[in-house]
Amino acid sequence: EQMTPNVVQRMGKNADNLTQAQLLLDSLTSEKREACATVRGFSIPCLIRGGNVDYWLYQLLSPYGFNASQIHGIAISMAGQSGKKFLSQSHVLFIDREELVIRELADQVTLAKLGVIQVERTPGFVIPKDPGLAALDAGKLQFPLEVRAWKPGDRFVPLGMKGFKKISDFLIDQKVPGCDKKEVFVLCSGNDIAWVIGWRIDNRFRITDKTTTIMIFHQKADEPGSRLLPEDQVVVSQ
């Protein structure tokens, strides 16, 4: 059955109206992005101003890989949970007082010769036992991370233990030769040691039933799906 000319004309007008509406929304989104943009991300007071917070957050944050559920959580957390962190496959978002700080994950990990893989935890996930790998709860990590040589007085909570242990004592227990101790490095999250690289992770950063996102660090960056940071982004602290 053929459509009448009037129906075709109305359909054409509707399509034009939808196109114009989309152009208007795109323009408003660009204006909102420009108005709320900061050096590090977006201004929270600006995002809240005028209402429709979830809509604007979705328009501005979905290009960074954040899904609708995460964006709703961000909207709720903006009310006052400074320090709250959200991870997408490519970016990390921090709530820092009145600002949403957004950074690329690759720019947040200051690592030396370590590959990084980020995965979502699934029921079938098996925690690797290889000491050359460290599977850590991404939600417990404080960025940027740092790799440095261990120092006298450094301590951590070895996986499976509840109390702190000095790294010097840990290395003695592991019978690490004195000449090799100088080659031991640690992966730091804030002021805490998350991994004595190649030996043991810290129990506080282990994978638990509440873990949703896992970051797997490799001593070798040739693992499938792993990425190695460019040399100009690799910093080793002494």
Protein backbone atom coordinates (compact mmCIF):
# COMPACT_ATOMS: atom_id res chain seq x y z
CA GLU A 1 0.00 0.00 0.00
CA GLN A 2 1.46 3.34 -1.04
CA MET A 3 1.64 6.27 1.36
CA THR A 4 -0.15 9.44 0.42
CA PRO A 5 1.89 12.55 -0.35
CA ASN A 6 0.65 14.16 2.88
CA VAL A 7 1.98 11.27 4.97
CA VAL A 8 5.34 11.41 3.22
CA GLN A 9 5.47 15.15 3.77
CA ARG A 10 4.67 14.81 7.48
CA MET A 11 7.34 12.11 7.87
CA GLY A 12 9.85 14.39 6.21
CA LYS A 13 8.95 17.23 8.56
CA ASN A 14 9.21 14.93 11.59
CA ALA A 15 12.66 13.81 10.46
CA ASP A 16 13.70 17.44 10.03
CA ASN A 17 12.35 18.27 13.48
CA LEU A 18 14.30 15.39 15.05
CA THR A 19 17.46 16.51 13.28
CA GLN A 20 16.99 20.08 14.51
CA ALA A 21 16.29 18.84 18.04
CA GLN A 22 19.49 16.76 18.01
CA LEU A 23 21.49 19.72 16.75
CA LEU A 24 20.05 21.84 19.57
CA LEU A 25 20.95 19.21 22.18
CA ASP A 26 24.46 18.92 20.75
CA SER A 27 24.83 22.69 20.93
CA LEU A 28 23.57 22.82 24.53
CA THR A 29 25.92 19.99 25.49
CA SER A 30 28.87 21.84 23.97
CA GLU A 31 27.90 24.97 25.89
CA LYS A 32 27.59 23.00 29.14
CA ARG A 33 30.95 21.33 28.54
CA GLU A 34 32.64 24.65 27.88
CA ALA A 35 31.00 26.33 30.88
CA CYS A 36 31.84 23.54 33.35
CA ALA A 37 35.25 22.46 32.08
CA THR A 38 38.23 22.88 34.40
CA VAL A 39 41.89 22.11 33.91
CA ARG A 40 41.41 18.70 35.53
CA GLY A 41 37.83 17.86 34.56
CA PHE A 42 34.50 19.50 35.41
CA SER A 43 33.17 21.87 38.08
CA ILE A 44 30.54 20.19 40.27
CA PRO A 45 28.63 23.41 41.15
CA CYS A 46 28.42 24.18 37.44
CA LEU A 47 27.14 20.69 36.63
CA ILE A 48 24.46 20.95 39.31
CA ARG A 49 23.36 24.43 38.29
CA GLY A 50 20.13 24.32 36.31
CA GLY A 51 19.22 20.73 37.21
CA ASN A 52 19.10 17.67 34.92
CA VAL A 53 22.36 16.51 36.50
CA ASP A 54 22.14 12.89 35.36
CA TYR A 55 21.51 13.97 31.78
CA TRP A 56 24.48 16.35 31.67
CA LEU A 57 26.76 13.86 33.38
CA TYR A 58 25.84 11.21 30.84
CA GLN A 59 26.50 13.55 27.93
CA LEU A 60 29.84 14.69 29.35
CA LEU A 61 31.18 11.48 30.91
CA SER A 62 30.05 8.70 28.56
CA PRO A 63 32.78 9.64 26.03
CA TYR A 64 35.27 8.66 28.75
CA GLY A 65 33.81 5.16 28.93
CA PHE A 66 31.64 5.53 32.04
CA ASN A 67 28.35 3.64 31.82
CA ALA A 68 24.90 4.75 32.98
CA SER A 69 25.15 2.92 36.31
CA GLN A 70 28.53 4.49 37.11
CA ILE A 71 27.30 7.93 36.09
CA HIS A 72 24.30 7.61 38.40
CA GLY A 73 26.69 6.69 41.21
CA ILE A 74 28.83 9.71 40.39
CA ALA A 75 25.76 11.95 40.55
CA ILE A 76 24.90 10.62 44.01
CA SER A 77 28.49 10.86 45.26
CA MET A 78 28.85 14.48 44.17
CA ALA A 79 26.75 15.43 47.19
CA GLY A 80 29.77 15.24 49.43
CA GLN A 81 31.87 12.07 49.08
CA SER A 82 35.18 13.74 48.32
CA GLY A 83 37.81 11.17 47.42
CA LYS A 84 35.35 8.76 45.82
CA LYS A 85 36.82 7.10 42.73
CA PHE A 86 35.28 5.56 39.62
CA LEU A 87 37.03 3.54 36.92
CA SER A 88 36.16 2.98 33.28
CA GLN A 89 38.24 0.88 30.89
CA SER A 90 40.24 3.94 29.88
CA HIS A 91 39.85 6.60 32.57
CA VAL A 92 39.75 7.18 36.31
CA LEU A 93 37.46 9.81 37.85
CA PHE A 94 38.01 11.30 41.31
CA ILE A 95 35.60 13.48 43.25
CA ASP A 96 37.81 16.18 44.74
CA ARG A 97 35.67 18.57 46.77
CA GLU A 98 33.89 20.67 44.10
CA GLU A 99 35.51 19.11 41.06
CA LEU A 100 35.31 15.93 39.01
CA VAL A 101 38.91 15.08 38.14
CA ILE A 102 39.28 12.86 35.06
CA ARG A 103 42.52 11.31 33.88
CA GLU A 104 43.55 8.60 31.48
CA LEU A 105 44.57 5.43 33.27
CA ALA A 106 47.78 5.20 31.28
CA ASP A 107 48.74 8.65 32.56
CA GLN A 108 48.05 7.67 36.15
CA VAL A 109 50.36 4.70 36.50
CA THR A 110 53.98 5.67 37.03
CA LEU A 111 55.64 2.31 36.55
CA ALA A 112 59.04 0.94 35.59
CA LYS A 113 59.01 -1.93 33.11
CA LEU A 114 55.61 -3.13 34.28
CA GLY A 115 52.73 -4.09 32.03
CA VAL A 116 49.18 -3.37 33.13
CA ILE A 117 45.90 -5.13 32.34
CA GLN A 118 42.55 -3.97 33.72
CA VAL A 119 39.68 -6.46 33.88
CA GLU A 120 36.25 -6.65 35.44
CA ARG A 121 35.91 -9.43 37.98
CA THR A 122 33.80 -12.36 36.81
CA PRO A 123 32.72 -15.49 38.72
CA GLY A 124 35.31 -17.52 36.85
CA PHE A 125 38.25 -15.22 37.54
CA VAL A 126 41.27 -17.09 38.88
CA ILE A 127 43.77 -15.13 40.95
CA PRO A 128 47.22 -15.73 39.42
CA LYS A 129 49.78 -17.41 41.67
CA ASP A 130 52.79 -16.36 39.62
CA PRO A 131 54.90 -14.04 41.86
CA GLY A 132 55.73 -12.06 38.73
CA LEU A 133 52.09 -10.98 38.58
CA ALA A 134 50.10 -8.88 41.01
CA ALA A 135 46.30 -8.90 40.82
CA LEU A 136 45.15 -5.95 42.92
CA ASP A 137 41.77 -4.48 43.78
CA ALA A 138 41.67 -1.38 41.56
CA GLY A 139 39.19 0.30 43.88
CA LYS A 140 41.74 0.28 46.71
CA LEU A 141 44.56 1.82 44.70
CA GLN A 142 45.41 5.49 45.07
CA PHE A 143 46.65 7.11 41.89
CA PRO A 144 49.20 7.97 40.70
CA LEU A 145 51.09 4.80 41.56
CA GLU A 146 54.84 4.75 42.02
CA VAL A 147 57.66 2.26 41.67
CA ARG A 148 60.76 2.71 43.80
CA ALA A 149 63.49 0.74 45.49
CA TRP A 150 62.55 -0.46 48.95
CA LYS A 151 64.06 1.45 51.86
CA PRO A 152 65.03 0.50 55.42
CA GLY A 153 61.96 0.88 57.59
CA ASP A 154 59.52 0.07 54.77
CA ARG A 155 56.80 -2.29 55.88
CA PHE A 156 53.72 -3.94 54.46
CA VAL A 157 51.12 -6.58 55.32
CA PRO A 158 52.14 -9.73 53.40
CA LEU A 159 49.28 -11.56 51.70
CA GLY A 160 47.66 -13.93 54.17
CA MET A 161 48.85 -12.03 57.24
CA LYS A 162 47.08 -9.48 59.43
CA GLY A 163 50.03 -7.58 60.85
CA PHE A 164 52.77 -5.44 59.38
CA LYS A 165 56.18 -6.84 58.58
CA LYS A 166 59.32 -4.97 57.69
CA ILE A 167 60.44 -5.65 54.15
CA SER A 168 63.97 -6.24 55.43
CA ASP A 169 62.66 -9.06 57.64
CA PHE A 170 60.46 -10.39 54.84
CA LEU A 171 63.42 -10.62 52.47
CA ILE A 172 65.42 -12.45 55.14
CA ASP A 173 62.55 -14.92 55.57
CA GLN A 174 62.51 -15.42 51.81
CA LYS A 175 66.28 -16.05 51.90
CA VAL A 176 66.98 -13.33 49.36
CA PRO A 177 70.77 -12.98 48.98
CA GLY A 178 72.20 -9.68 50.14
CA CYS A 179 73.45 -8.85 46.66
CA ASP A 180 69.92 -9.27 45.27
CA LYS A 181 68.14 -7.17 47.89
CA LYS A 182 69.20 -3.97 46.16
CA GLU A 183 67.28 -5.12 43.09
CA VAL A 184 63.96 -5.40 44.93
CA PHE A 185 61.42 -2.72 44.08
CA VAL A 186 58.02 -1.89 45.52
CA LEU A 187 54.80 -0.66 43.94
CA CYS A 188 53.35 2.11 46.09
CA SER A 189 49.78 3.33 46.37
CA GLY A 190 49.88 6.61 48.25
CA ASN A 191 51.93 5.97 51.38
CA ASP A 192 51.27 2.22 51.31
CA ILE A 193 53.21 -0.54 49.61
CA ALA A 194 50.82 -2.57 47.46
CA TRP A 195 53.34 -5.05 46.06
CA VAL A 196 56.88 -6.11 46.79
CA ILE A 197 57.48 -6.65 43.10
CA GLY A 198 58.13 -10.25 42.23
CA TRP A 199 57.56 -11.48 45.78
CA ARG A 200 54.30 -10.71 47.58
CA ILE A 201 51.34 -8.33 47.41
CA ASP A 202 50.01 -6.46 50.42
CA ASN A 203 47.02 -8.16 52.02
CA ARG A 204 45.09 -4.87 52.09
CA PHE A 205 45.01 -4.74 48.27
CA ARG A 206 44.00 -8.36 47.70
CA ILE A 207 41.01 -9.45 45.63
CA THR A 208 37.90 -9.99 47.78
CA ASP A 209 34.23 -10.80 47.21
CA LYS A 210 33.58 -7.05 47.04
CA THR A 211 36.15 -6.44 44.30
CA THR A 212 34.63 -5.31 41.00
CA THR A 213 37.64 -4.14 38.98
CA ILE A 214 41.07 -5.76 38.97
CA MET A 215 44.38 -4.34 37.81
CA ILE A 216 46.96 -6.99 36.98
CA PHE A 217 50.56 -5.81 36.96
CA HIS A 218 53.20 -7.81 35.09
CA GLN A 219 56.93 -7.72 35.41
CA LYS A 220 56.90 -8.37 31.69
CA ALA A 221 54.77 -6.22 29.41
CA ASP A 222 54.39 -8.85 26.68
CA GLU A 223 51.29 -10.46 28.18
CA PRO A 224 48.24 -10.44 25.84
CA GLY A 225 46.23 -7.28 26.37
CA SER A 226 48.92 -5.68 28.50
CA ARG A 227 50.22 -2.19 27.90
CA LEU A 228 53.60 -0.68 28.68
CA LEU A 229 53.86 3.03 29.35
CA PRO A 230 56.06 5.14 27.06
CA GLU A 231 59.53 5.80 28.42
CA ASP A 232 58.76 9.48 28.99
CA GLN A 233 56.00 8.43 31.41
CA VAL A 234 58.10 5.94 33.38
CA VAL A 235 59.50 7.35 36.61
CA VAL A 236 61.50 5.40 39.16
CA SER A 237 61.90 7.13 42.51
CA GLN A 238 65.01 6.52 44.52
